[in-house]
Amino acid sequence: MTCQKCNGKLSSMLMAVTSDPNPIVGELAIGGFVLVGLWRFIVWIRDAPATPDPWSVEIEESLQQANATPICHRCLTPHQTDAWFCEYCGSAVGTYNNWMPYVDIFSQGEVLRNGVTDKLRANPLTIIGYLIYSLGNYFIFAPIYWFFFFKNLKRLKELPEEEDVK
């Protein structure tokens, strides 16, 4: 089938483009280099040495002892090893809270509540994370959450800089 307007020139141009193997070979070579580079990057990450903890060996040993007292990550209050929530601030502190289907809801709620009421480090990654996470949890009501989230960010921006952010 030939185009009557261009007298078959279009079909001959298409055949010339598809019959030239150089662009196809070039694209395959570039794709191969990208795959090899990606594979080398994965191997480099996998084989990287584990970095030591930022604390001393003595602190690490004291943390690993069986009689070490666990503390709340939010208010630093000691709690029982089998506690699910901090008695002082109500934060989820249990060892397996994030793995238990029902108790996991409280951990998620704490994260989302922190976005609208507490101080947080407002960097682009945190903001995007809160927006996506709230969209996944609230879906229809996410714009309402975003209103309060951005209101909290505005409040944090107006705070003096010398205050310490959690």
Foldseek 3Di string as FASTA:
>chain_A
DADPVVGRPVVVVVCVVVVDCVVVVVVVVVVVVVVVVVVVVVVCVVPDDDDDDPDDPVVVVLVPDPPRFDADPPPRHTDDQQDQADPPPGAGDHPCQCVDVPSVVRNLVVVLVCLQPFFDDDDPVVVVVSLVSLCVVPVVCSVVSVVSNVVVVVVNVPDDPVDDGD
